[in-house]
Amino acid sequence: MYLLLIFGITLLPQAYTLKCYECILGASGSCTDKEKECPSQDYQCGALKVTSYTGGVKLSDVDMKTCAMAEQCVEGSLNFGVARTVFTSKCCSSDLCNTQPAPDPSKSSPNGKKCFTCDGQKCTAALNCEGNEDYCISTRVSVGGEKTTVKGCASKMMCVNTQTAQMTGATGAEMSCCQGDYCNSASSTSAGLLLLVAPLISLVVFS
């Protein structure tokens, strides 16, 4: 009986985890692909691109590759008026399939939704949301050791997905999201999410 049990266990298929390329950013900003075994079956191979804009002009592109959870394979943006950050991704489910970088963000235009944004010390300026930014956001972040209020527009995935929010690297802060034009005029009592947005234009990494 015990021999049959041991024999059966040895024949059970082992849990298969993917091997993916992991892109390690060097000090020069260059990226070197290395093979990495994902920690569990819950991971896919992923490529992420984070594009930062300031004043409507592209400031930087950061490309990354690694094992990624399904929640990290999203597209969306955060728009604070002075700075806008767009996330694009490409995920796949076979060994070393993430050879190509994530696609460039598509051109976006105002979608008719409006939120408040902060201009200096006041947060009464109107911001035209773009693309799939269908939420207004309000948060306080630490910049240079001081708390600063930041308001603007965000895609739904940036608000409902904590894994996506945690992909940014910098200082943690709570963020509130709401729906409806100019709904971010007052501090929200809704549950905050962990969003790392300071500095607003920063190097980002998968968590």
N, C-alpha and C. Protein backbone atom coordinates (compact mmCIF):
# COMPACT_ATOMS: atom_id res chain seq x y z
N MET A 1 0.83 -1.20 0.00
CA MET A 1 0.00 0.00 0.00
C MET A 1 0.88 1.26 0.00
N TYR A 2 1.88 1.28 0.91
CA TYR A 2 2.75 2.44 0.99
C TYR A 2 3.61 2.57 -0.27
N LEU A 3 4.01 1.41 -0.82
CA LEU A 3 4.81 1.46 -2.04
C LEU A 3 4.01 2.06 -3.19
N LEU A 4 2.73 1.69 -3.28
CA LEU A 4 1.87 2.25 -4.32
C LEU A 4 1.72 3.76 -4.14
N LEU A 5 1.59 4.21 -2.89
CA LEU A 5 1.44 5.64 -2.61
C LEU A 5 2.69 6.41 -3.02
N ILE A 6 3.84 5.87 -2.64
CA ILE A 6 5.10 6.53 -2.99
C ILE A 6 5.30 6.55 -4.50
N PHE A 7 4.95 5.43 -5.14
CA PHE A 7 5.09 5.34 -6.59
C PHE A 7 4.18 6.35 -7.28
N GLY A 8 2.96 6.49 -6.74
CA GLY A 8 2.01 7.44 -7.33
C GLY A 8 2.49 8.87 -7.19
N ILE A 9 3.07 9.21 -6.04
CA ILE A 9 3.55 10.57 -5.82
C ILE A 9 4.69 10.91 -6.77
N THR A 10 5.57 9.94 -7.00
CA THR A 10 6.71 10.20 -7.88
C THR A 10 6.27 10.40 -9.33
N LEU A 11 5.11 9.85 -9.68
CA LEU A 11 4.62 10.01 -11.05
C LEU A 11 3.79 11.27 -11.24
N LEU A 12 3.45 11.95 -10.15
CA LEU A 12 2.65 13.18 -10.29
C LEU A 12 3.43 14.21 -11.09
N PRO A 13 2.77 14.92 -12.00
CA PRO A 13 3.47 15.93 -12.78
C PRO A 13 3.92 17.08 -11.89
N GLN A 14 5.15 17.50 -12.09
CA GLN A 14 5.65 18.61 -11.30
C GLN A 14 5.04 19.92 -11.79
N ALA A 15 4.82 20.82 -10.84
CA ALA A 15 4.27 22.13 -11.20
C ALA A 15 5.24 22.83 -12.14
N TYR A 16 4.74 23.26 -13.27
CA TYR A 16 5.60 23.86 -14.29
C TYR A 16 5.57 25.38 -14.16
N THR A 17 6.72 25.97 -14.06
CA THR A 17 6.83 27.43 -14.03
C THR A 17 7.61 27.90 -15.24
N LEU A 18 7.27 29.06 -15.72
CA LEU A 18 7.88 29.60 -16.92
C LEU A 18 9.29 30.12 -16.66
N LYS A 19 10.07 30.14 -17.72
CA LYS A 19 11.32 30.86 -17.73
C LYS A 19 11.11 32.10 -18.60
N CYS A 20 11.52 33.24 -18.09
CA CYS A 20 11.30 34.49 -18.80
C CYS A 20 12.60 35.29 -18.85
N TYR A 21 12.62 36.22 -19.77
CA TYR A 21 13.73 37.17 -19.79
C TYR A 21 13.48 38.23 -18.73
N GLU A 22 14.54 38.55 -18.01
CA GLU A 22 14.48 39.66 -17.06
C GLU A 22 15.49 40.69 -17.52
N CYS A 23 15.02 41.90 -17.66
CA CYS A 23 15.87 42.97 -18.15
C CYS A 23 16.40 43.76 -16.96
N ILE A 24 17.69 43.70 -16.75
CA ILE A 24 18.33 44.39 -15.63
C ILE A 24 18.89 45.72 -16.13
N LEU A 25 18.37 46.80 -15.59
CA LEU A 25 18.84 48.12 -15.99
C LEU A 25 20.20 48.41 -15.36
N GLY A 26 21.16 48.77 -16.19
CA GLY A 26 22.48 49.11 -15.69
C GLY A 26 22.58 50.58 -15.34
N ALA A 27 23.73 50.96 -14.80
CA ALA A 27 23.94 52.35 -14.40
C ALA A 27 23.88 53.30 -15.59
N SER A 28 24.23 52.79 -16.77
CA SER A 28 24.22 53.63 -17.96
C SER A 28 22.84 53.75 -18.58
N GLY A 29 21.87 53.02 -18.02
CA GLY A 29 20.52 53.04 -18.58
C GLY A 29 20.30 51.94 -19.59
N SER A 30 21.36 51.21 -19.95
CA SER A 30 21.22 50.11 -20.89
C SER A 30 20.62 48.90 -20.19
N CYS A 31 20.11 47.97 -20.97
CA CYS A 31 19.40 46.84 -20.42
C CYS A 31 19.97 45.53 -20.97
N THR A 32 20.22 44.59 -20.08
CA THR A 32 20.75 43.29 -20.47
C THR A 32 19.75 42.20 -20.10
N ASP A 33 19.34 41.40 -21.09
CA ASP A 33 18.39 40.31 -20.84
C ASP A 33 19.08 39.12 -20.18
N LYS A 34 18.47 38.64 -19.11
CA LYS A 34 18.94 37.42 -18.46
C LYS A 34 17.75 36.50 -18.24
N GLU A 35 18.00 35.19 -18.28
CA GLU A 35 16.92 34.24 -18.06
C GLU A 35 16.59 34.14 -16.57
N LYS A 36 15.31 34.03 -16.27
CA LYS A 36 14.86 33.95 -14.89
C LYS A 36 13.72 32.95 -14.81
N GLU A 37 13.74 32.09 -13.80
CA GLU A 37 12.63 31.17 -13.58
C GLU A 37 11.61 31.84 -12.68
N CYS A 38 10.36 31.84 -13.10
CA CYS A 38 9.31 32.50 -12.33
C CYS A 38 9.04 31.75 -11.03
N PRO A 39 8.63 32.46 -9.99
CA PRO A 39 8.46 31.82 -8.68
C PRO A 39 7.28 30.86 -8.57
N SER A 40 6.28 31.00 -9.44
CA SER A 40 5.13 30.10 -9.36
C SER A 40 4.41 30.06 -10.71
N GLN A 41 3.39 29.20 -10.80
CA GLN A 41 2.60 29.07 -12.02
C GLN A 41 1.71 30.28 -12.26
N ASP A 42 1.61 31.18 -11.29
CA ASP A 42 0.74 32.34 -11.42
C ASP A 42 1.37 33.43 -12.29
N TYR A 43 2.62 33.24 -12.67
CA TYR A 43 3.33 34.29 -13.41
C TYR A 43 3.35 34.02 -14.91
N GLN A 44 3.34 35.09 -15.68
CA GLN A 44 3.55 35.06 -17.11
C GLN A 44 4.87 35.79 -17.40
N CYS A 45 5.30 35.71 -18.65
CA CYS A 45 6.42 36.53 -19.07
C CYS A 45 5.88 37.88 -19.53
N GLY A 46 6.51 38.94 -19.08
CA GLY A 46 5.97 40.25 -19.39
C GLY A 46 7.02 41.26 -19.79
N ALA A 47 6.58 42.22 -20.58
CA ALA A 47 7.38 43.39 -20.93
C ALA A 47 6.55 44.62 -20.60
N LEU A 48 7.15 45.57 -19.95
CA LEU A 48 6.46 46.79 -19.54
C LEU A 48 7.20 48.01 -20.04
N LYS A 49 6.46 48.97 -20.52
CA LYS A 49 7.04 50.25 -20.93
C LYS A 49 6.34 51.36 -20.14
N VAL A 50 7.13 52.23 -19.57
CA VAL A 50 6.60 53.38 -18.85
C VAL A 50 7.10 54.64 -19.57
N THR A 51 6.16 55.40 -20.12
CA THR A 51 6.50 56.60 -20.88
C THR A 51 6.06 57.82 -20.10
N SER A 52 6.98 58.74 -19.88
CA SER A 52 6.69 59.94 -19.11
C SER A 52 6.65 61.16 -20.02
N TYR A 53 5.66 62.01 -19.78
CA TYR A 53 5.51 63.24 -20.52
C TYR A 53 5.49 64.42 -19.55
N THR A 54 6.01 65.53 -19.98
CA THR A 54 5.87 66.76 -19.22
C THR A 54 5.55 67.89 -20.20
N GLY A 55 4.49 68.61 -19.90
CA GLY A 55 4.05 69.65 -20.82
C GLY A 55 3.66 69.12 -22.18
N GLY A 56 3.21 67.85 -22.24
CA GLY A 56 2.82 67.25 -23.50
C GLY A 56 3.98 66.73 -24.33
N VAL A 57 5.20 66.91 -23.86
CA VAL A 57 6.39 66.46 -24.59
C VAL A 57 6.94 65.20 -23.92
N LYS A 58 7.26 64.18 -24.73
CA LYS A 58 7.81 62.95 -24.17
C LYS A 58 9.14 63.24 -23.51
N LEU A 59 9.25 62.81 -22.27
CA LEU A 59 10.48 63.02 -21.51
C LEU A 59 11.36 61.79 -21.53
N SER A 60 10.74 60.60 -21.34
CA SER A 60 11.55 59.39 -21.27
C SER A 60 10.71 58.15 -21.51
N ASP A 61 11.39 57.09 -21.92
CA ASP A 61 10.83 55.75 -22.04
C ASP A 61 11.67 54.83 -21.17
N VAL A 62 11.01 54.00 -20.38
CA VAL A 62 11.72 52.99 -19.60
C VAL A 62 11.13 51.63 -19.95
N ASP A 63 11.95 50.73 -20.46
CA ASP A 63 11.51 49.38 -20.83
C ASP A 63 12.02 48.37 -19.81
N MET A 64 11.15 47.43 -19.45
CA MET A 64 11.51 46.38 -18.51
C MET A 64 10.96 45.04 -18.97
N LYS A 65 11.60 43.97 -18.55
CA LYS A 65 11.13 42.61 -18.79
C LYS A 65 11.29 41.81 -17.52
N THR A 66 10.33 40.93 -17.23
CA THR A 66 10.43 40.08 -16.06
C THR A 66 9.25 39.12 -16.01
N CYS A 67 9.20 38.29 -14.98
CA CYS A 67 8.00 37.50 -14.69
C CYS A 67 6.95 38.45 -14.14
N ALA A 68 5.74 38.34 -14.60
CA ALA A 68 4.70 39.29 -14.20
C ALA A 68 3.40 38.58 -13.87
N MET A 69 2.72 39.08 -12.86
CA MET A 69 1.38 38.60 -12.55
C MET A 69 0.40 39.16 -13.59
N ALA A 70 -0.74 38.50 -13.74
CA ALA A 70 -1.73 38.96 -14.71
C ALA A 70 -2.16 40.39 -14.42
N GLU A 71 -2.19 40.76 -13.13
CA GLU A 71 -2.61 42.10 -12.74
C GLU A 71 -1.65 43.17 -13.22
N GLN A 72 -0.42 42.77 -13.54
CA GLN A 72 0.57 43.73 -14.00
C GLN A 72 0.55 43.91 -15.52
N CYS A 73 -0.21 43.09 -16.19
CA CYS A 73 -0.28 43.14 -17.65
C CYS A 73 -1.45 44.05 -18.06
N VAL A 74 -1.27 45.33 -17.85
CA VAL A 74 -2.36 46.28 -18.07
C VAL A 74 -1.84 47.47 -18.86
N GLU A 75 -2.79 48.29 -19.28
CA GLU A 75 -2.47 49.56 -19.91
C GLU A 75 -3.27 50.64 -19.20
N GLY A 76 -2.65 51.76 -18.97
CA GLY A 76 -3.34 52.85 -18.31
C GLY A 76 -2.41 54.03 -18.15
N SER A 77 -2.91 55.08 -17.51
CA SER A 77 -2.10 56.28 -17.35
C SER A 77 -2.50 57.05 -16.10
N LEU A 78 -1.57 57.83 -15.62
CA LEU A 78 -1.77 58.78 -14.52
C LEU A 78 -1.45 60.15 -15.07
N ASN A 79 -2.35 61.09 -14.86
CA ASN A 79 -2.21 62.42 -15.45
C ASN A 79 -2.38 63.47 -14.36
N PHE A 80 -1.30 64.14 -14.03
CA PHE A 80 -1.34 65.19 -13.01
C PHE A 80 -1.21 66.58 -13.61
N GLY A 81 -1.45 66.68 -14.90
CA GLY A 81 -1.38 67.98 -15.56
C GLY A 81 0.04 68.30 -15.97
N VAL A 82 0.88 68.64 -15.01
CA VAL A 82 2.27 68.96 -15.32
C VAL A 82 3.03 67.73 -15.79
N ALA A 83 2.61 66.56 -15.33
CA ALA A 83 3.28 65.31 -15.70
C ALA A 83 2.25 64.23 -15.96
N ARG A 84 2.49 63.43 -16.99
CA ARG A 84 1.61 62.31 -17.33
C ARG A 84 2.48 61.08 -17.57
N THR A 85 2.09 59.96 -16.96
CA THR A 85 2.84 58.72 -17.10
C THR A 85 1.92 57.65 -17.68
N VAL A 86 2.37 57.02 -18.76
CA VAL A 86 1.55 56.03 -19.47
C VAL A 86 2.23 54.67 -19.35
N PHE A 87 1.44 53.65 -18.97
CA PHE A 87 1.92 52.28 -18.85
C PHE A 87 1.37 51.45 -20.00
N THR A 88 2.24 50.74 -20.71
CA THR A 88 1.81 49.75 -21.68
C THR A 88 2.54 48.45 -21.36
N SER A 89 1.92 47.33 -21.73
CA SER A 89 2.53 46.04 -21.42
C SER A 89 2.20 45.02 -22.49
N LYS A 90 3.00 43.95 -22.48
CA LYS A 90 2.77 42.82 -23.38
C LYS A 90 3.18 41.56 -22.63
N CYS A 91 2.23 40.66 -22.40
CA CYS A 91 2.50 39.44 -21.64
C CYS A 91 2.20 38.21 -22.48
N CYS A 92 2.88 37.10 -22.16
CA CYS A 92 2.72 35.86 -22.92
C CYS A 92 2.99 34.68 -21.99
N SER A 93 2.64 33.48 -22.45
CA SER A 93 2.64 32.31 -21.56
C SER A 93 3.45 31.14 -22.06
N SER A 94 4.62 31.40 -22.64
CA SER A 94 5.52 30.32 -23.01
C SER A 94 6.94 30.74 -22.65
N ASP A 95 7.82 29.77 -22.52
CA ASP A 95 9.18 30.05 -22.09
C ASP A 95 9.88 31.09 -22.97
N LEU A 96 10.46 32.07 -22.32
CA LEU A 96 11.28 33.09 -22.97
C LEU A 96 10.56 33.78 -24.13
N CYS A 97 9.26 33.97 -23.96
CA CYS A 97 8.48 34.58 -25.03
C CYS A 97 8.50 36.11 -25.00
N ASN A 98 9.04 36.69 -23.93
CA ASN A 98 9.03 38.15 -23.83
C ASN A 98 10.30 38.76 -24.42
N THR A 99 10.55 38.41 -25.67
CA THR A 99 11.75 38.92 -26.36
C THR A 99 11.56 40.36 -26.82
N GLN A 100 10.34 40.74 -27.16
CA GLN A 100 10.08 42.07 -27.69
C GLN A 100 9.65 43.02 -26.58
N PRO A 101 9.98 44.31 -26.71
CA PRO A 101 9.54 45.28 -25.71
C PRO A 101 8.04 45.53 -25.81
N ALA A 102 7.48 46.11 -24.79
CA ALA A 102 6.07 46.48 -24.80
C ALA A 102 5.83 47.54 -25.88
N PRO A 103 4.63 47.61 -26.42
CA PRO A 103 4.36 48.58 -27.49
C PRO A 103 4.41 50.02 -26.99
N ASP A 104 4.70 50.92 -27.91
CA ASP A 104 4.65 52.34 -27.58
C ASP A 104 3.20 52.74 -27.29
N PRO A 105 2.99 53.72 -26.42
CA PRO A 105 1.61 54.15 -26.15
C PRO A 105 1.00 54.79 -27.38
N SER A 106 -0.28 54.55 -27.57
CA SER A 106 -0.97 55.16 -28.70
C SER A 106 -1.28 56.62 -28.39
N LYS A 107 -1.47 57.39 -29.44
CA LYS A 107 -1.79 58.80 -29.24
C LYS A 107 -3.13 58.92 -28.55
N SER A 108 -3.22 59.84 -27.62
CA SER A 108 -4.47 60.04 -26.90
C SER A 108 -4.97 61.46 -27.10
N SER A 109 -6.25 61.63 -26.90
CA SER A 109 -6.87 62.94 -27.03
C SER A 109 -7.86 63.12 -25.88
N PRO A 110 -8.27 64.35 -25.58
CA PRO A 110 -9.23 64.58 -24.50
C PRO A 110 -10.50 63.76 -24.69
N ASN A 111 -11.00 63.16 -23.59
CA ASN A 111 -12.18 62.29 -23.68
C ASN A 111 -13.45 62.95 -23.14
N GLY A 112 -13.36 64.22 -22.78
CA GLY A 112 -14.54 64.94 -22.30
C GLY A 112 -14.66 65.00 -20.78
N LYS A 113 -13.95 64.13 -20.09
CA LYS A 113 -14.00 64.13 -18.63
C LYS A 113 -13.05 65.19 -18.10
N LYS A 114 -13.46 65.84 -16.98
CA LYS A 114 -12.65 66.90 -16.40
C LYS A 114 -12.45 66.66 -14.90
N CYS A 115 -11.23 66.90 -14.44
CA CYS A 115 -10.89 66.76 -13.02
C CYS A 115 -10.10 67.99 -12.58
N PHE A 116 -10.04 68.17 -11.28
CA PHE A 116 -9.21 69.24 -10.75
C PHE A 116 -7.75 68.79 -10.73
N THR A 117 -6.86 69.75 -10.96
CA THR A 117 -5.43 69.51 -10.82
C THR A 117 -4.83 70.64 -10.01
N CYS A 118 -3.64 70.45 -9.51
CA CYS A 118 -3.01 71.44 -8.64
C CYS A 118 -2.05 72.31 -9.44
N ASP A 119 -2.19 73.61 -9.27
CA ASP A 119 -1.34 74.57 -9.94
C ASP A 119 -0.71 75.44 -8.86
N GLY A 120 0.52 75.11 -8.49
CA GLY A 120 1.14 75.81 -7.39
C GLY A 120 0.53 75.36 -6.07
N GLN A 121 0.05 76.30 -5.27
CA GLN A 121 -0.53 75.99 -3.97
C GLN A 121 -2.02 75.70 -4.05
N LYS A 122 -2.65 75.98 -5.17
CA LYS A 122 -4.08 75.78 -5.31
C LYS A 122 -4.38 74.56 -6.18
N CYS A 123 -5.49 73.89 -5.86
CA CYS A 123 -5.92 72.72 -6.63
C CYS A 123 -7.29 72.97 -7.24
N THR A 124 -7.40 74.10 -7.91
CA THR A 124 -8.69 74.49 -8.50
C THR A 124 -8.63 74.57 -10.02
N ALA A 125 -7.48 74.26 -10.61
CA ALA A 125 -7.35 74.32 -12.06
C ALA A 125 -8.03 73.11 -12.69
N ALA A 126 -8.61 73.30 -13.88
CA ALA A 126 -9.29 72.22 -14.59
C ALA A 126 -8.30 71.46 -15.46
N LEU A 127 -8.44 70.14 -15.48
CA LEU A 127 -7.59 69.28 -16.30
C LEU A 127 -8.47 68.43 -17.20
N ASN A 128 -8.20 68.44 -18.49
CA ASN A 128 -8.92 67.59 -19.44
C ASN A 128 -8.29 66.21 -19.45
N CYS A 129 -9.05 65.21 -19.05
CA CYS A 129 -8.55 63.83 -19.05
C CYS A 129 -8.37 63.34 -20.48
N GLU A 130 -7.47 62.39 -20.66
CA GLU A 130 -7.16 61.88 -21.99
C GLU A 130 -7.34 60.37 -22.05
N GLY A 131 -7.53 59.87 -23.26
CA GLY A 131 -7.59 58.42 -23.49
C GLY A 131 -8.61 57.74 -22.62
N ASN A 132 -8.17 56.71 -21.86
CA ASN A 132 -9.10 55.95 -21.00
C ASN A 132 -9.04 56.41 -19.54
N GLU A 133 -8.62 57.63 -19.32
CA GLU A 133 -8.62 58.19 -17.97
C GLU A 133 -10.05 58.57 -17.59
N ASP A 134 -10.72 57.68 -16.88
CA ASP A 134 -12.13 57.90 -16.55
C ASP A 134 -12.36 58.10 -15.06
N TYR A 135 -11.29 58.30 -14.29
CA TYR A 135 -11.40 58.56 -12.86
C TYR A 135 -10.65 59.85 -12.53
N CYS A 136 -11.10 60.53 -11.47
CA CYS A 136 -10.35 61.63 -10.90
C CYS A 136 -9.60 61.10 -9.68
N ILE A 137 -8.42 61.64 -9.44
CA ILE A 137 -7.63 61.17 -8.31
C ILE A 137 -7.19 62.35 -7.44
N SER A 138 -6.94 62.05 -6.19
CA SER A 138 -6.42 63.02 -5.24
C SER A 138 -5.51 62.28 -4.27
N THR A 139 -4.33 62.83 -4.05
CA THR A 139 -3.37 62.16 -3.16
C THR A 139 -2.42 63.17 -2.55
N ARG A 140 -1.82 62.80 -1.44
CA ARG A 140 -0.74 63.59 -0.85
C ARG A 140 0.52 62.73 -0.88
N VAL A 141 1.58 63.29 -1.44
CA VAL A 141 2.82 62.55 -1.58
C VAL A 141 3.95 63.31 -0.89
N SER A 142 4.98 62.58 -0.54
CA SER A 142 6.14 63.19 0.09
C SER A 142 7.16 63.55 -0.98
N VAL A 143 7.47 64.82 -1.08
CA VAL A 143 8.47 65.30 -2.02
C VAL A 143 9.45 66.15 -1.24
N GLY A 144 10.69 65.70 -1.18
CA GLY A 144 11.70 66.44 -0.44
C GLY A 144 11.40 66.54 1.04
N GLY A 145 10.73 65.53 1.58
CA GLY A 145 10.42 65.52 3.00
C GLY A 145 9.17 66.28 3.38
N GLU A 146 8.50 66.89 2.40
CA GLU A 146 7.28 67.65 2.67
C GLU A 146 6.10 67.01 1.95
N LYS A 147 4.93 67.10 2.58
CA LYS A 147 3.71 66.56 1.99
C LYS A 147 3.17 67.54 0.94
N THR A 148 2.88 67.02 -0.22
CA THR A 148 2.37 67.83 -1.32
C THR A 148 1.11 67.19 -1.88
N THR A 149 0.09 68.02 -2.12
CA THR A 149 -1.16 67.51 -2.69
C THR A 149 -1.04 67.42 -4.21
N VAL A 150 -1.47 66.29 -4.75
CA VAL A 150 -1.45 66.06 -6.19
C VAL A 150 -2.83 65.59 -6.61
N LYS A 151 -3.39 66.20 -7.65
CA LYS A 151 -4.70 65.81 -8.17
C LYS A 151 -4.64 65.72 -9.68
N GLY A 152 -5.55 64.92 -10.24
CA GLY A 152 -5.57 64.79 -11.69
C GLY A 152 -6.50 63.69 -12.14
N CYS A 153 -6.14 63.06 -13.28
CA CYS A 153 -6.94 62.01 -13.91
C CYS A 153 -6.19 60.68 -13.87
N ALA A 154 -6.94 59.59 -13.91
CA ALA A 154 -6.31 58.26 -13.92
C ALA A 154 -7.19 57.27 -14.65
N SER A 155 -6.56 56.28 -15.25
CA SER A 155 -7.30 55.16 -15.83
C SER A 155 -7.85 54.28 -14.72
N LYS A 156 -8.90 53.56 -15.03
CA LYS A 156 -9.53 52.69 -14.03
C LYS A 156 -8.53 51.70 -13.45
N MET A 157 -7.67 51.12 -14.30
CA MET A 157 -6.74 50.11 -13.82
C MET A 157 -5.76 50.67 -12.79
N MET A 158 -5.47 51.96 -12.86
CA MET A 158 -4.58 52.57 -11.89
C MET A 158 -5.24 52.70 -10.52
N CYS A 159 -6.57 52.70 -10.51
CA CYS A 159 -7.32 52.90 -9.27
C CYS A 159 -7.74 51.60 -8.61
N VAL A 160 -8.10 50.60 -9.40
CA VAL A 160 -8.67 49.38 -8.83
C VAL A 160 -7.64 48.28 -8.66
N ASN A 161 -6.45 48.48 -9.17
CA ASN A 161 -5.46 47.42 -9.17
C ASN A 161 -4.24 47.82 -8.34
N THR A 162 -4.16 47.31 -7.12
CA THR A 162 -3.05 47.68 -6.25
C THR A 162 -1.72 47.18 -6.78
N GLN A 163 -1.72 46.02 -7.49
CA GLN A 163 -0.47 45.50 -8.04
C GLN A 163 0.12 46.48 -9.04
N THR A 164 -0.75 47.07 -9.86
CA THR A 164 -0.28 48.05 -10.83
C THR A 164 0.28 49.27 -10.12
N ALA A 165 -0.43 49.71 -9.09
CA ALA A 165 0.02 50.89 -8.36
C ALA A 165 1.39 50.67 -7.74
N GLN A 166 1.64 49.45 -7.29
CA GLN A 166 2.90 49.16 -6.62
C GLN A 166 4.06 49.02 -7.59
N MET A 167 3.78 49.03 -8.89
CA MET A 167 4.87 48.88 -9.84
C MET A 167 5.74 50.12 -9.93
N THR A 168 5.23 51.27 -9.49
CA THR A 168 6.06 52.46 -9.55
C THR A 168 7.00 52.48 -8.37
N GLY A 169 8.17 53.03 -8.55
CA GLY A 169 9.14 53.07 -7.48
C GLY A 169 9.37 54.48 -7.01
N ALA A 170 9.25 54.73 -5.72
CA ALA A 170 9.51 56.00 -5.07
C ALA A 170 8.85 55.97 -3.71
N THR A 171 8.28 57.11 -3.28
CA THR A 171 7.72 57.19 -1.95
C THR A 171 6.26 56.79 -1.96
N GLY A 172 5.81 56.03 -0.95
CA GLY A 172 4.42 55.59 -0.90
C GLY A 172 3.49 56.67 -0.39
N ALA A 173 2.26 56.64 -0.88
CA ALA A 173 1.25 57.58 -0.41
C ALA A 173 -0.13 57.00 -0.71
N GLU A 174 -1.13 57.43 0.04
CA GLU A 174 -2.49 56.97 -0.23
C GLU A 174 -3.10 57.81 -1.34
N MET A 175 -3.93 57.16 -2.14
CA MET A 175 -4.59 57.85 -3.24
C MET A 175 -6.06 57.50 -3.23
N SER A 176 -6.91 58.50 -3.45
CA SER A 176 -8.35 58.28 -3.56
C SER A 176 -8.78 58.53 -4.99
N CYS A 177 -9.67 57.67 -5.48
CA CYS A 177 -10.21 57.80 -6.83
C CYS A 177 -11.73 57.99 -6.75
N CYS A 178 -12.27 58.70 -7.72
CA CYS A 178 -13.72 58.90 -7.77
C CYS A 178 -14.13 59.09 -9.23
N GLN A 179 -15.43 58.93 -9.49
CA GLN A 179 -15.96 59.12 -10.83
C GLN A 179 -16.91 60.30 -10.84
N GLY A 180 -16.87 61.04 -11.92
CA GLY A 180 -17.70 62.24 -12.03
C GLY A 180 -16.83 63.46 -12.19
N ASP A 181 -17.23 64.37 -13.07
CA ASP A 181 -16.44 65.57 -13.32
C ASP A 181 -16.17 66.34 -12.03
N TYR A 182 -14.92 66.70 -11.85
CA TYR A 182 -14.47 67.52 -10.71
C TYR A 182 -14.80 66.89 -9.35
N CYS A 183 -14.93 65.57 -9.30
CA CYS A 183 -15.29 64.91 -8.03
C CYS A 183 -14.13 64.91 -7.05
N ASN A 184 -12.92 65.27 -7.48
CA ASN A 184 -11.77 65.27 -6.58
C ASN A 184 -11.53 66.64 -5.97
N SER A 185 -12.61 67.42 -5.79
CA SER A 185 -12.47 68.76 -5.23
C SER A 185 -12.21 68.73 -3.74
N ALA A 186 -12.76 67.70 -3.04
CA ALA A 186 -12.56 67.58 -1.60
C ALA A 186 -11.84 66.28 -1.30
N SER A 187 -11.30 66.18 -0.09
CA SER A 187 -10.62 64.94 0.29
C SER A 187 -11.63 63.82 0.37
N SER A 188 -11.27 62.69 -0.19
CA SER A 188 -12.18 61.55 -0.24
C SER A 188 -12.01 60.66 0.97
N THR A 189 -13.09 60.00 1.37
CA THR A 189 -13.02 59.06 2.49
C THR A 189 -12.96 57.63 2.01
N SER A 190 -12.88 57.45 0.70
CA SER A 190 -12.79 56.09 0.18
C SER A 190 -11.44 55.49 0.50
N ALA A 191 -11.37 54.17 0.43
CA ALA A 191 -10.13 53.48 0.78
C ALA A 191 -9.00 53.91 -0.14
N GLY A 192 -7.90 54.27 0.45
CA GLY A 192 -6.76 54.68 -0.35
C GLY A 192 -6.01 53.48 -0.89
N LEU A 193 -5.30 53.68 -1.97
CA LEU A 193 -4.47 52.63 -2.54
C LEU A 193 -3.02 53.05 -2.42
N LEU A 194 -2.15 52.08 -2.42
CA LEU A 194 -0.73 52.38 -2.35
C LEU A 194 -0.24 52.79 -3.72
N LEU A 195 0.01 54.08 -3.87
CA LEU A 195 0.51 54.56 -5.15
C LEU A 195 1.82 55.28 -4.91
N LEU A 196 2.81 54.96 -5.69
CA LEU A 196 4.12 55.54 -5.51
C LEU A 196 4.34 56.52 -6.64
N VAL A 197 4.14 57.79 -6.36
CA VAL A 197 4.12 58.77 -7.45
C VAL A 197 5.12 59.90 -7.26
N ALA A 198 5.98 59.84 -6.27
CA ALA A 198 6.92 60.93 -6.10
C ALA A 198 8.35 60.40 -6.22
N PRO A 199 9.20 60.90 -7.09
CA PRO A 199 8.85 61.96 -8.02
C PRO A 199 7.90 61.47 -9.10
N LEU A 200 7.16 62.40 -9.69
CA LEU A 200 6.14 62.00 -10.65
C LEU A 200 6.76 61.39 -11.89
N ILE A 201 7.92 61.84 -12.26
CA ILE A 201 8.62 61.27 -13.41
C ILE A 201 9.85 60.57 -12.86
N SER A 202 9.80 59.28 -12.76
CA SER A 202 10.89 58.56 -12.10
C SER A 202 11.14 57.24 -12.80
N LEU A 203 12.26 56.64 -12.45
CA LEU A 203 12.55 55.29 -12.91
C LEU A 203 11.63 54.33 -12.20
N VAL A 204 11.01 53.41 -12.92
CA VAL A 204 10.07 52.49 -12.31
C VAL A 204 10.52 51.06 -12.53
N VAL A 205 10.16 50.20 -11.60
CA VAL A 205 10.52 48.80 -11.71
C VAL A 205 9.34 47.95 -11.32
N PHE A 206 9.30 46.69 -11.81
CA PHE A 206 8.31 45.75 -11.35
C PHE A 206 8.55 45.50 -9.86
N SER A 207 7.47 45.36 -9.13
CA SER A 207 7.61 45.01 -7.71
C SER A 207 7.91 43.53 -7.59
